[in-house]
N, C-alpha and C. Protein backbone atom coordinates (compact mmCIF):
# COMPACT_ATOMS: atom_id res chain seq x y z
N MET A 1 -268.06 -93.27 69.93
CA MET A 1 -267.68 -92.91 68.57
C MET A 1 -266.43 -93.68 68.13
N ILE A 2 -265.49 -93.84 69.04
CA ILE A 2 -264.26 -94.55 68.70
C ILE A 2 -264.55 -96.01 68.38
N ILE A 3 -265.40 -96.63 69.19
CA ILE A 3 -265.77 -98.03 68.95
C ILE A 3 -266.45 -98.18 67.61
N LEU A 4 -267.29 -97.23 67.27
CA LEU A 4 -267.99 -97.27 65.98
C LEU A 4 -267.00 -97.18 64.82
N ASP A 5 -265.97 -96.35 64.95
CA ASP A 5 -264.94 -96.25 63.91
C ASP A 5 -264.18 -97.56 63.74
N ILE A 6 -263.85 -98.20 64.84
CA ILE A 6 -263.12 -99.48 64.79
C ILE A 6 -263.99 -100.56 64.16
N ILE A 7 -265.25 -100.62 64.57
CA ILE A 7 -266.17 -101.64 64.03
C ILE A 7 -266.41 -101.40 62.54
N SER A 8 -266.61 -100.16 62.14
CA SER A 8 -266.86 -99.89 60.72
C SER A 8 -265.61 -100.19 59.89
N ASP A 9 -264.43 -99.92 60.42
CA ASP A 9 -263.20 -100.25 59.71
C ASP A 9 -263.09 -101.76 59.49
N GLY A 10 -263.34 -102.52 60.55
CA GLY A 10 -263.31 -103.97 60.43
C GLY A 10 -264.39 -104.51 59.52
N LEU A 11 -265.57 -103.92 59.58
CA LEU A 11 -266.68 -104.38 58.74
C LEU A 11 -266.39 -104.16 57.26
N PHE A 12 -265.90 -102.98 56.92
CA PHE A 12 -265.57 -102.71 55.51
C PHE A 12 -264.44 -103.62 55.02
N ALA A 13 -263.47 -103.89 55.87
CA ALA A 13 -262.39 -104.81 55.50
C ALA A 13 -262.93 -106.22 55.29
N ALA A 14 -263.88 -106.62 56.12
CA ALA A 14 -264.47 -107.96 55.99
C ALA A 14 -265.22 -108.11 54.67
N VAL A 15 -265.98 -107.09 54.31
CA VAL A 15 -266.73 -107.13 53.05
C VAL A 15 -265.76 -107.18 51.86
N ALA A 16 -264.72 -106.36 51.91
CA ALA A 16 -263.73 -106.37 50.82
C ALA A 16 -263.02 -107.71 50.74
N ALA A 17 -262.68 -108.28 51.88
CA ALA A 17 -261.97 -109.57 51.88
C ALA A 17 -262.85 -110.68 51.31
N MET A 18 -264.14 -110.66 51.62
CA MET A 18 -265.03 -111.67 51.05
C MET A 18 -265.14 -111.50 49.54
N GLY A 19 -265.12 -110.27 49.08
CA GLY A 19 -265.11 -110.02 47.63
C GLY A 19 -263.84 -110.54 46.99
N PHE A 20 -262.70 -110.26 47.61
CA PHE A 20 -261.44 -110.78 47.08
C PHE A 20 -261.40 -112.31 47.15
N GLY A 21 -261.95 -112.85 48.22
CA GLY A 21 -261.97 -114.30 48.37
C GLY A 21 -262.83 -114.97 47.32
N SER A 22 -263.92 -114.33 46.94
CA SER A 22 -264.82 -114.95 45.96
C SER A 22 -264.15 -115.11 44.60
N ILE A 23 -263.15 -114.30 44.33
CA ILE A 23 -262.44 -114.40 43.05
C ILE A 23 -261.65 -115.71 42.97
N SER A 24 -261.05 -116.10 44.10
CA SER A 24 -260.21 -117.31 44.08
C SER A 24 -260.99 -118.58 44.34
N GLY A 25 -262.25 -118.49 44.69
CA GLY A 25 -263.12 -119.65 44.81
C GLY A 25 -262.84 -120.56 45.99
N PRO A 26 -262.72 -120.03 47.21
CA PRO A 26 -262.58 -120.93 48.37
C PRO A 26 -263.92 -121.60 48.67
N PRO A 27 -263.91 -122.63 49.49
CA PRO A 27 -265.19 -123.24 49.86
C PRO A 27 -266.05 -122.24 50.63
N LEU A 28 -267.36 -122.37 50.51
CA LEU A 28 -268.27 -121.43 51.16
C LEU A 28 -268.10 -121.40 52.67
N ARG A 29 -267.69 -122.52 53.25
CA ARG A 29 -267.51 -122.57 54.70
C ARG A 29 -266.34 -121.71 55.16
N ALA A 30 -265.48 -121.25 54.24
CA ALA A 30 -264.32 -120.43 54.60
C ALA A 30 -264.64 -118.94 54.67
N PHE A 31 -265.71 -118.50 54.04
CA PHE A 31 -266.00 -117.07 53.96
C PHE A 31 -266.19 -116.38 55.31
N PRO A 32 -266.90 -116.97 56.27
CA PRO A 32 -267.00 -116.29 57.56
C PRO A 32 -265.64 -116.09 58.24
N TYR A 33 -264.76 -117.06 58.07
CA TYR A 33 -263.45 -116.97 58.70
C TYR A 33 -262.54 -115.98 57.99
N ILE A 34 -262.68 -115.88 56.68
CA ILE A 34 -261.95 -114.85 55.93
C ILE A 34 -262.39 -113.47 56.42
N ALA A 35 -263.69 -113.31 56.60
CA ALA A 35 -264.22 -112.01 57.07
C ALA A 35 -263.73 -111.70 58.48
N ILE A 36 -263.72 -112.67 59.35
CA ILE A 36 -263.25 -112.46 60.73
C ILE A 36 -261.78 -112.07 60.74
N LEU A 37 -260.97 -112.80 59.96
CA LEU A 37 -259.54 -112.50 59.91
C LEU A 37 -259.28 -111.10 59.36
N ALA A 38 -259.97 -110.74 58.29
CA ALA A 38 -259.78 -109.42 57.69
C ALA A 38 -260.21 -108.32 58.66
N ALA A 39 -261.33 -108.51 59.31
CA ALA A 39 -261.82 -107.50 60.26
C ALA A 39 -260.85 -107.35 61.43
N ALA A 40 -260.37 -108.47 61.96
CA ALA A 40 -259.44 -108.41 63.10
C ALA A 40 -258.12 -107.75 62.69
N GLY A 41 -257.60 -108.14 61.54
CA GLY A 41 -256.33 -107.58 61.09
C GLY A 41 -256.42 -106.10 60.77
N HIS A 42 -257.41 -105.73 59.99
CA HIS A 42 -257.53 -104.33 59.57
C HIS A 42 -257.87 -103.44 60.76
N ALA A 43 -258.74 -103.89 61.64
CA ALA A 43 -259.09 -103.10 62.82
C ALA A 43 -257.89 -102.94 63.75
N SER A 44 -257.09 -103.99 63.87
CA SER A 44 -255.89 -103.87 64.72
C SER A 44 -254.89 -102.90 64.11
N ARG A 45 -254.73 -102.92 62.79
CA ARG A 45 -253.83 -101.96 62.15
C ARG A 45 -254.37 -100.54 62.33
N TYR A 46 -255.66 -100.37 62.20
CA TYR A 46 -256.29 -99.06 62.40
C TYR A 46 -256.02 -98.56 63.83
N CYS A 47 -256.22 -99.42 64.81
CA CYS A 47 -256.01 -99.03 66.21
C CYS A 47 -254.54 -98.69 66.47
N LEU A 48 -253.64 -99.50 65.95
CA LEU A 48 -252.21 -99.23 66.15
C LEU A 48 -251.80 -97.89 65.54
N MET A 49 -252.31 -97.60 64.37
CA MET A 49 -251.93 -96.35 63.69
C MET A 49 -252.63 -95.14 64.32
N THR A 50 -253.89 -95.29 64.65
CA THR A 50 -254.66 -94.15 65.13
C THR A 50 -254.40 -93.81 66.59
N PHE A 51 -254.39 -94.81 67.44
CA PHE A 51 -254.33 -94.56 68.87
C PHE A 51 -252.92 -94.65 69.45
N LEU A 52 -252.06 -95.45 68.83
CA LEU A 52 -250.70 -95.57 69.35
C LEU A 52 -249.67 -94.83 68.49
N GLY A 53 -250.10 -94.33 67.34
CA GLY A 53 -249.20 -93.55 66.49
C GLY A 53 -248.12 -94.37 65.80
N ILE A 54 -248.36 -95.66 65.64
CA ILE A 54 -247.39 -96.53 64.97
C ILE A 54 -247.50 -96.33 63.46
N ASP A 55 -246.37 -96.39 62.79
CA ASP A 55 -246.36 -96.18 61.33
C ASP A 55 -247.07 -97.32 60.61
N ILE A 56 -247.42 -97.08 59.36
CA ILE A 56 -248.21 -98.04 58.59
C ILE A 56 -247.45 -99.35 58.34
N VAL A 57 -246.14 -99.28 58.21
CA VAL A 57 -245.35 -100.49 57.93
C VAL A 57 -245.35 -101.42 59.14
N SER A 58 -245.04 -100.89 60.31
CA SER A 58 -245.02 -101.71 61.52
C SER A 58 -246.41 -102.21 61.88
N ALA A 59 -247.40 -101.35 61.74
CA ALA A 59 -248.78 -101.75 62.05
C ALA A 59 -249.25 -102.85 61.09
N SER A 60 -248.82 -102.78 59.84
CA SER A 60 -249.19 -103.82 58.87
C SER A 60 -248.53 -105.15 59.21
N LEU A 61 -247.30 -105.10 59.71
CA LEU A 61 -246.62 -106.33 60.13
C LEU A 61 -247.38 -107.00 61.26
N VAL A 62 -247.76 -106.23 62.27
CA VAL A 62 -248.50 -106.79 63.40
C VAL A 62 -249.86 -107.33 62.95
N ALA A 63 -250.56 -106.58 62.13
CA ALA A 63 -251.87 -107.01 61.65
C ALA A 63 -251.76 -108.28 60.81
N ALA A 64 -250.75 -108.36 59.96
CA ALA A 64 -250.55 -109.57 59.15
C ALA A 64 -250.20 -110.77 60.02
N PHE A 65 -249.44 -110.53 61.07
CA PHE A 65 -249.12 -111.61 62.00
C PHE A 65 -250.37 -112.12 62.71
N ILE A 66 -251.25 -111.20 63.09
CA ILE A 66 -252.53 -111.59 63.70
C ILE A 66 -253.35 -112.42 62.73
N ILE A 67 -253.41 -112.00 61.48
CA ILE A 67 -254.15 -112.75 60.46
C ILE A 67 -253.52 -114.12 60.24
N GLY A 68 -252.19 -114.16 60.16
CA GLY A 68 -251.49 -115.44 59.96
C GLY A 68 -251.72 -116.41 61.11
N CYS A 69 -251.64 -115.90 62.34
CA CYS A 69 -251.86 -116.77 63.51
C CYS A 69 -253.31 -117.23 63.58
N GLY A 70 -254.24 -116.37 63.21
CA GLY A 70 -255.65 -116.76 63.23
C GLY A 70 -256.00 -117.75 62.15
N SER A 71 -255.25 -117.74 61.06
CA SER A 71 -255.56 -118.67 59.97
C SER A 71 -255.18 -120.11 60.29
N VAL A 72 -254.32 -120.32 61.28
CA VAL A 72 -253.94 -121.70 61.65
C VAL A 72 -255.12 -122.44 62.28
N PRO A 73 -255.72 -121.95 63.37
CA PRO A 73 -256.86 -122.70 63.92
C PRO A 73 -258.09 -122.68 63.01
N PHE A 74 -258.28 -121.56 62.30
CA PHE A 74 -259.43 -121.50 61.40
C PHE A 74 -259.25 -122.46 60.23
N GLY A 75 -258.02 -122.60 59.74
CA GLY A 75 -257.76 -123.53 58.64
C GLY A 75 -258.05 -124.97 59.04
N LYS A 76 -257.69 -125.31 60.27
CA LYS A 76 -257.98 -126.65 60.77
C LYS A 76 -259.48 -126.86 60.92
N LYS A 77 -260.16 -125.82 61.39
CA LYS A 77 -261.62 -125.91 61.59
C LYS A 77 -262.36 -126.03 60.26
N VAL A 78 -261.91 -125.26 59.25
CA VAL A 78 -262.57 -125.24 57.96
C VAL A 78 -262.03 -126.34 57.04
N PHE A 79 -260.90 -126.91 57.42
CA PHE A 79 -260.22 -127.96 56.65
C PHE A 79 -259.80 -127.45 55.27
N CYS A 80 -259.02 -126.38 55.29
CA CYS A 80 -258.43 -125.85 54.07
C CYS A 80 -257.10 -125.19 54.43
N PRO A 81 -256.22 -125.03 53.46
CA PRO A 81 -254.90 -124.45 53.75
C PRO A 81 -255.01 -123.01 54.27
N MET A 82 -253.99 -122.63 55.02
CA MET A 82 -253.94 -121.28 55.60
C MET A 82 -254.02 -120.21 54.52
N THR A 83 -253.38 -120.44 53.40
CA THR A 83 -253.34 -119.42 52.35
C THR A 83 -254.72 -119.08 51.81
N VAL A 84 -255.61 -120.06 51.81
CA VAL A 84 -256.98 -119.81 51.35
C VAL A 84 -257.65 -118.78 52.24
N LEU A 85 -257.28 -118.75 53.51
CA LEU A 85 -257.89 -117.83 54.46
C LEU A 85 -257.14 -116.50 54.54
N TYR A 86 -255.80 -116.56 54.59
CA TYR A 86 -255.10 -115.30 54.89
C TYR A 86 -254.82 -114.43 53.68
N ILE A 87 -254.77 -114.96 52.48
CA ILE A 87 -254.51 -114.10 51.33
C ILE A 87 -255.68 -113.15 51.07
N PRO A 88 -256.94 -113.62 51.01
CA PRO A 88 -258.03 -112.64 50.84
C PRO A 88 -258.15 -111.68 52.01
N ALA A 89 -257.80 -112.14 53.22
CA ALA A 89 -257.88 -111.27 54.39
C ALA A 89 -256.82 -110.17 54.37
N LEU A 90 -255.69 -110.43 53.72
CA LEU A 90 -254.62 -109.44 53.63
C LEU A 90 -254.87 -108.39 52.55
N LEU A 91 -255.59 -108.74 51.53
CA LEU A 91 -255.74 -107.84 50.38
C LEU A 91 -256.35 -106.48 50.70
N PRO A 92 -257.30 -106.36 51.64
CA PRO A 92 -257.78 -105.00 51.95
C PRO A 92 -256.71 -104.10 52.58
N MET A 93 -255.61 -104.69 53.03
CA MET A 93 -254.55 -103.88 53.65
C MET A 93 -253.46 -103.47 52.66
N VAL A 94 -253.60 -103.84 51.41
CA VAL A 94 -252.63 -103.42 50.39
C VAL A 94 -252.73 -101.90 50.24
N PRO A 95 -251.61 -101.20 50.27
CA PRO A 95 -251.64 -99.73 50.26
C PRO A 95 -251.90 -99.15 48.87
N GLY A 96 -253.14 -99.17 48.47
CA GLY A 96 -253.51 -98.71 47.13
C GLY A 96 -253.24 -97.24 46.89
N THR A 97 -253.45 -96.41 47.90
CA THR A 97 -253.21 -94.97 47.74
C THR A 97 -251.75 -94.69 47.46
N TYR A 98 -250.87 -95.35 48.21
CA TYR A 98 -249.44 -95.14 48.00
C TYR A 98 -248.99 -95.66 46.64
N ALA A 99 -249.54 -96.78 46.22
CA ALA A 99 -249.19 -97.33 44.91
C ALA A 99 -249.68 -96.40 43.79
N TYR A 100 -250.88 -95.88 43.95
CA TYR A 100 -251.42 -94.95 42.97
C TYR A 100 -250.54 -93.70 42.89
N LYS A 101 -250.18 -93.15 44.04
CA LYS A 101 -249.35 -91.95 44.06
C LYS A 101 -247.97 -92.21 43.46
N THR A 102 -247.46 -93.43 43.61
CA THR A 102 -246.17 -93.78 43.01
C THR A 102 -246.26 -93.70 41.49
N VAL A 103 -247.27 -94.33 40.92
CA VAL A 103 -247.44 -94.32 39.46
C VAL A 103 -247.76 -92.91 38.96
N PHE A 104 -248.59 -92.19 39.68
CA PHE A 104 -248.93 -90.83 39.29
C PHE A 104 -247.68 -89.95 39.29
N SER A 105 -246.85 -90.08 40.31
CA SER A 105 -245.62 -89.28 40.38
C SER A 105 -244.65 -89.65 39.27
N LEU A 106 -244.62 -90.91 38.91
CA LEU A 106 -243.77 -91.35 37.80
C LEU A 106 -244.21 -90.71 36.49
N ILE A 107 -245.50 -90.72 36.25
CA ILE A 107 -246.03 -90.11 35.02
C ILE A 107 -245.77 -88.61 35.01
N MET A 108 -246.01 -87.96 36.14
CA MET A 108 -245.78 -86.52 36.22
C MET A 108 -244.29 -86.19 36.10
N PHE A 109 -243.44 -87.07 36.62
CA PHE A 109 -241.99 -86.86 36.48
C PHE A 109 -241.59 -86.83 35.01
N PHE A 110 -242.12 -87.76 34.24
CA PHE A 110 -241.79 -87.79 32.82
C PHE A 110 -242.38 -86.61 32.06
N GLN A 111 -243.53 -86.12 32.50
CA GLN A 111 -244.11 -84.95 31.85
C GLN A 111 -243.36 -83.67 32.20
N GLU A 112 -242.78 -83.61 33.38
CA GLU A 112 -242.06 -82.41 33.84
C GLU A 112 -240.55 -82.62 33.84
N ILE A 113 -240.07 -83.51 33.01
CA ILE A 113 -238.64 -83.84 33.01
C ILE A 113 -237.77 -82.67 32.59
N SER A 114 -238.33 -81.73 31.82
CA SER A 114 -237.54 -80.57 31.39
C SER A 114 -237.41 -79.52 32.49
N SER A 115 -238.29 -79.57 33.48
CA SER A 115 -238.23 -78.63 34.61
C SER A 115 -237.53 -79.31 35.78
N PRO A 116 -236.32 -78.89 36.11
CA PRO A 116 -235.57 -79.58 37.17
C PRO A 116 -236.24 -79.53 38.54
N THR A 117 -236.87 -78.42 38.89
CA THR A 117 -237.46 -78.33 40.22
C THR A 117 -238.71 -79.20 40.35
N LYS A 118 -239.61 -79.09 39.39
CA LYS A 118 -240.81 -79.93 39.44
C LYS A 118 -240.46 -81.41 39.25
N GLY A 119 -239.53 -81.68 38.36
CA GLY A 119 -239.10 -83.06 38.14
C GLY A 119 -238.52 -83.68 39.41
N ASN A 120 -237.74 -82.90 40.13
CA ASN A 120 -237.17 -83.38 41.39
C ASN A 120 -238.25 -83.68 42.43
N GLU A 121 -239.26 -82.81 42.51
CA GLU A 121 -240.35 -83.02 43.45
C GLU A 121 -241.10 -84.31 43.15
N TYR A 122 -241.41 -84.53 41.88
CA TYR A 122 -242.13 -85.75 41.51
C TYR A 122 -241.28 -87.00 41.70
N LEU A 123 -240.00 -86.88 41.43
CA LEU A 123 -239.10 -88.02 41.65
C LEU A 123 -239.02 -88.36 43.13
N GLN A 124 -238.94 -87.34 43.96
CA GLN A 124 -238.88 -87.55 45.41
C GLN A 124 -240.19 -88.18 45.90
N GLU A 125 -241.32 -87.70 45.42
CA GLU A 125 -242.62 -88.29 45.78
C GLU A 125 -242.72 -89.74 45.34
N MET A 126 -242.24 -90.01 44.12
CA MET A 126 -242.29 -91.36 43.60
C MET A 126 -241.46 -92.31 44.47
N ILE A 127 -240.29 -91.90 44.86
CA ILE A 127 -239.42 -92.75 45.68
C ILE A 127 -240.05 -92.97 47.05
N PHE A 128 -240.57 -91.92 47.66
CA PHE A 128 -241.20 -92.05 48.97
C PHE A 128 -242.39 -92.99 48.93
N ASN A 129 -243.33 -92.73 48.03
CA ASN A 129 -244.54 -93.56 47.94
C ASN A 129 -244.22 -94.99 47.52
N GLY A 130 -243.25 -95.16 46.63
CA GLY A 130 -242.84 -96.50 46.23
C GLY A 130 -242.22 -97.27 47.39
N ALA A 131 -241.42 -96.58 48.19
CA ALA A 131 -240.79 -97.24 49.34
C ALA A 131 -241.84 -97.67 50.37
N VAL A 132 -242.82 -96.80 50.60
CA VAL A 132 -243.89 -97.16 51.55
C VAL A 132 -244.70 -98.33 51.00
N SER A 133 -245.06 -98.30 49.73
CA SER A 133 -245.83 -99.39 49.12
C SER A 133 -245.09 -100.71 49.22
N PHE A 134 -243.83 -100.69 48.82
CA PHE A 134 -243.04 -101.91 48.85
C PHE A 134 -242.87 -102.42 50.28
N SER A 135 -242.59 -101.52 51.21
CA SER A 135 -242.38 -101.93 52.60
C SER A 135 -243.63 -102.55 53.21
N VAL A 136 -244.78 -101.94 52.95
CA VAL A 136 -246.02 -102.49 53.50
C VAL A 136 -246.31 -103.86 52.89
N LEU A 137 -246.15 -103.99 51.58
CA LEU A 137 -246.39 -105.29 50.94
C LEU A 137 -245.44 -106.35 51.47
N PHE A 138 -244.19 -105.98 51.65
CA PHE A 138 -243.21 -106.93 52.18
C PHE A 138 -243.57 -107.35 53.60
N MET A 139 -243.96 -106.40 54.42
CA MET A 139 -244.32 -106.72 55.81
C MET A 139 -245.61 -107.53 55.89
N LEU A 140 -246.53 -107.30 54.99
CA LEU A 140 -247.74 -108.13 54.95
C LEU A 140 -247.37 -109.59 54.65
N ALA A 141 -246.47 -109.77 53.70
CA ALA A 141 -246.04 -111.13 53.35
C ALA A 141 -245.29 -111.78 54.51
N VAL A 142 -244.39 -111.05 55.12
CA VAL A 142 -243.60 -111.60 56.23
C VAL A 142 -244.51 -111.92 57.41
N GLY A 143 -245.36 -110.98 57.78
CA GLY A 143 -246.22 -111.19 58.94
C GLY A 143 -247.17 -112.36 58.79
N ALA A 144 -247.65 -112.59 57.59
CA ALA A 144 -248.60 -113.69 57.37
C ALA A 144 -247.92 -115.04 57.27
N THR A 145 -246.66 -115.07 56.83
CA THR A 145 -245.99 -116.36 56.67
C THR A 145 -245.17 -116.79 57.88
N VAL A 146 -244.87 -115.88 58.77
CA VAL A 146 -244.11 -116.26 59.98
C VAL A 146 -244.84 -117.34 60.79
N PRO A 147 -246.17 -117.25 60.97
CA PRO A 147 -246.84 -118.34 61.70
C PRO A 147 -246.71 -119.70 61.05
N VAL A 148 -246.53 -119.74 59.74
CA VAL A 148 -246.33 -121.03 59.07
C VAL A 148 -245.05 -121.69 59.59
N PHE A 149 -244.02 -120.87 59.81
CA PHE A 149 -242.75 -121.42 60.28
C PHE A 149 -242.75 -121.63 61.79
N LEU A 150 -243.42 -120.77 62.53
CA LEU A 150 -243.48 -120.94 63.98
C LEU A 150 -244.35 -122.12 64.38
N LEU A 151 -245.42 -122.32 63.67
CA LEU A 151 -246.36 -123.40 63.97
C LEU A 151 -246.32 -124.45 62.86
N ARG A 152 -245.12 -124.87 62.51
CA ARG A 152 -244.90 -125.75 61.36
C ARG A 152 -245.73 -127.02 61.40
N GLU A 153 -245.73 -127.71 62.53
CA GLU A 153 -246.46 -128.98 62.62
C GLU A 153 -247.97 -128.78 62.43
N ARG A 154 -248.50 -127.78 63.09
CA ARG A 154 -249.95 -127.53 62.97
C ARG A 154 -250.30 -127.03 61.58
N ALA A 155 -249.46 -126.18 61.01
CA ALA A 155 -249.77 -125.61 59.70
C ALA A 155 -249.71 -126.66 58.60
N ASN A 156 -248.77 -127.58 58.70
CA ASN A 156 -248.63 -128.61 57.67
C ASN A 156 -249.61 -129.75 57.83
N SER A 157 -250.11 -129.98 59.03
CA SER A 157 -250.97 -131.14 59.24
C SER A 157 -252.45 -130.80 59.26
N MET A 158 -252.81 -129.53 59.09
CA MET A 158 -254.21 -129.18 59.27
C MET A 158 -255.14 -129.73 58.20
N THR A 159 -254.63 -130.05 57.02
CA THR A 159 -255.51 -130.60 55.98
C THR A 159 -255.22 -132.07 55.73
N ARG A 160 -254.47 -132.67 56.61
CA ARG A 160 -254.16 -134.09 56.47
C ARG A 160 -254.72 -134.87 57.64
N GLY A 161 -254.93 -136.13 57.44
CA GLY A 161 -255.28 -137.00 58.54
C GLY A 161 -256.75 -137.37 58.59
N SER A 162 -257.65 -136.47 58.35
CA SER A 162 -259.07 -136.80 58.40
C SER A 162 -259.78 -136.14 57.25
N LYS A 163 -260.85 -136.73 56.86
CA LYS A 163 -261.64 -136.20 55.74
C LYS A 163 -262.72 -135.27 56.25
N PHE A 164 -262.96 -134.21 55.50
CA PHE A 164 -264.05 -133.29 55.84
C PHE A 164 -265.34 -133.84 55.26
N ILE A 165 -266.38 -133.88 56.08
CA ILE A 165 -267.66 -134.38 55.61
C ILE A 165 -268.69 -133.29 55.63
């Protein structure tokens, strides 16, 4: 049952990443690699959070780093920049629930501004959810771009030197 949960998490992330990728128009040869990166990253974040009890921010950093590192060899194989592969793969990990709750709490805060107790609760929720949203997005960006700096020569040379046929 646990394996099935991990596989289904990765599969749904792969489908979502291919949908996000289709919007930006990468070459068709990149889609399988986008799906693999998204599945590996999202499944690793799921495992870290579920089985090791790691928070969403730290798990997102590790997952984004896995996606970033995987996009280097895949980018060379597909002959396209790393960003074409890792940006669609990262998008399924954007914390939509926390962002939604942030905006919802903001709206409710303004509606309940005359009530100090309810207003305080919504303000506190808004700050909490906003901090989680921002932190996860920041860690996704950091984790995916660190391999660019660690593997500078490979990352910069993967689309230069030979023509794709």
